[in-house]
């Protein structure tokens, strides 16, 4: 008894096109996204490449060291929580 009915569109409805953003370095190299939209580079934000810094090997090592410490700390917290839950369950 259900007919395939379509509601008429409201006059206020709009379709907003979301474009994929290309990184600043890709835009500088002339790399274009899959669409050849001329308005793609019309960004309200100024180019931020002057704030980009190259990641050195030392920065990577430091970040991995901090990640390892965070992993160890989180593991200790989980183990302490499991131990505490077991102690409360057995009493």
Protein backbone atom coordinates (compact mmCIF):
# COMPACT_ATOMS: atom_id res chain seq x y z
CA UNK A 1 0.00 0.00 0.00
CA UNK A 2 3.06 2.26 0.28
CA UNK A 3 3.68 4.10 -2.90
CA UNK A 4 7.14 5.44 -3.65
CA UNK A 5 6.51 9.08 -2.88
CA UNK A 6 9.07 11.82 -3.14
CA UNK A 7 8.64 14.96 -1.16
CA UNK A 8 9.06 18.15 -3.14
CA UNK A 9 12.26 20.06 -2.46
CA UNK A 10 12.05 23.11 -0.27
CA UNK A 11 13.07 26.42 -1.74
CA UNK A 12 15.58 26.80 1.12
CA UNK A 13 17.46 23.56 0.47
CA UNK A 14 20.94 23.80 -1.02
CA UNK A 15 23.60 21.30 -1.92
CA UNK A 16 27.02 22.26 -0.64
CA UNK A 17 29.96 20.89 -2.57
CA UNK A 18 32.86 19.87 -0.33
CA UNK A 19 36.16 19.93 -2.17
CA UNK A 20 39.17 17.89 -1.10
CA UNK A 21 41.96 20.05 0.22
CA UNK A 22 45.43 19.77 -1.20
CA UNK A 23 48.36 20.40 1.09
CA UNK A 24 50.37 23.56 0.61
CA UNK A 25 53.43 21.65 -0.59
CA UNK A 26 51.38 19.84 -3.25
CA UNK A 27 49.98 23.13 -4.48
CA UNK A 28 53.46 24.60 -4.71
CA UNK A 29 54.69 21.65 -6.75
CA UNK A 30 51.84 22.05 -9.20
CA UNK A 31 50.20 18.79 -8.13
CA UNK A 32 46.50 18.90 -8.81
CA UNK A 33 43.76 16.83 -7.21
CA UNK A 34 41.49 14.57 -9.19
CA UNK A 35 39.19 17.46 -10.05
CA UNK A 36 40.40 20.26 -12.25
CA UNK A 37 38.29 22.82 -10.44
CA UNK A 38 39.68 26.33 -10.98
CA UNK A 39 38.24 27.50 -7.65
CA UNK A 40 40.17 24.85 -5.70
CA UNK A 41 43.07 27.18 -4.88
CA UNK A 42 40.79 30.02 -3.80
CA UNK A 43 41.29 29.52 -0.10
CA UNK A 44 40.38 32.14 2.51
CA UNK A 45 43.48 31.11 4.47
CA UNK A 46 46.87 32.49 3.50
CA UNK A 47 49.63 30.08 2.51
CA UNK A 48 51.13 28.51 5.65
CA UNK A 49 54.28 27.05 4.12
CA UNK A 50 56.43 29.63 5.89
CA UNK A 51 55.51 27.94 9.19
CA UNK A 52 56.36 24.41 8.04
CA UNK A 53 59.58 22.91 9.31
CA UNK A 54 61.34 19.83 8.06
CA UNK A 55 61.34 16.94 10.51
CA UNK A 56 64.83 15.87 11.45
CA UNK A 57 65.91 12.38 12.43
CA UNK A 58 66.52 13.60 15.98
CA UNK A 59 62.92 14.85 16.28
CA UNK A 60 61.63 11.47 15.12
CA UNK A 61 63.78 9.60 17.64
CA UNK A 62 62.63 11.88 20.46
CA UNK A 63 58.97 11.47 19.51
CA UNK A 64 59.31 7.68 19.38
CA UNK A 65 61.07 7.70 22.78
CA UNK A 66 58.24 9.75 24.31
CA UNK A 67 55.68 7.41 22.70
CA UNK A 68 57.46 4.39 24.26
CA UNK A 69 57.40 6.04 27.69
CA UNK A 70 53.69 6.84 27.29
CA UNK A 71 52.99 3.24 26.26
CA UNK A 72 54.87 1.89 29.29
CA UNK A 73 53.04 4.28 31.65
CA UNK A 74 49.66 3.34 30.17
CA UNK A 75 50.49 -0.36 30.48
CA UNK A 76 51.42 0.09 34.15
CA UNK A 77 48.15 1.94 34.78
CA UNK A 78 46.14 -0.84 33.12
CA UNK A 79 47.94 -3.55 35.07
CA UNK A 80 47.42 -1.65 38.33
CA UNK A 81 43.73 -1.29 37.54
CA UNK A 82 43.34 -5.00 36.78
CA UNK A 83 45.23 -5.93 39.96
CA UNK A 84 43.08 -3.56 42.03
CA UNK A 85 39.87 -4.96 40.50
CA UNK A 86 41.03 -8.53 41.28
CA UNK A 87 41.90 -7.58 44.86
CA UNK A 88 38.45 -6.00 45.34
CA UNK A 89 36.74 -9.05 43.81
CA UNK A 90 38.54 -11.51 46.11
CA UNK A 91 37.78 -9.68 49.35
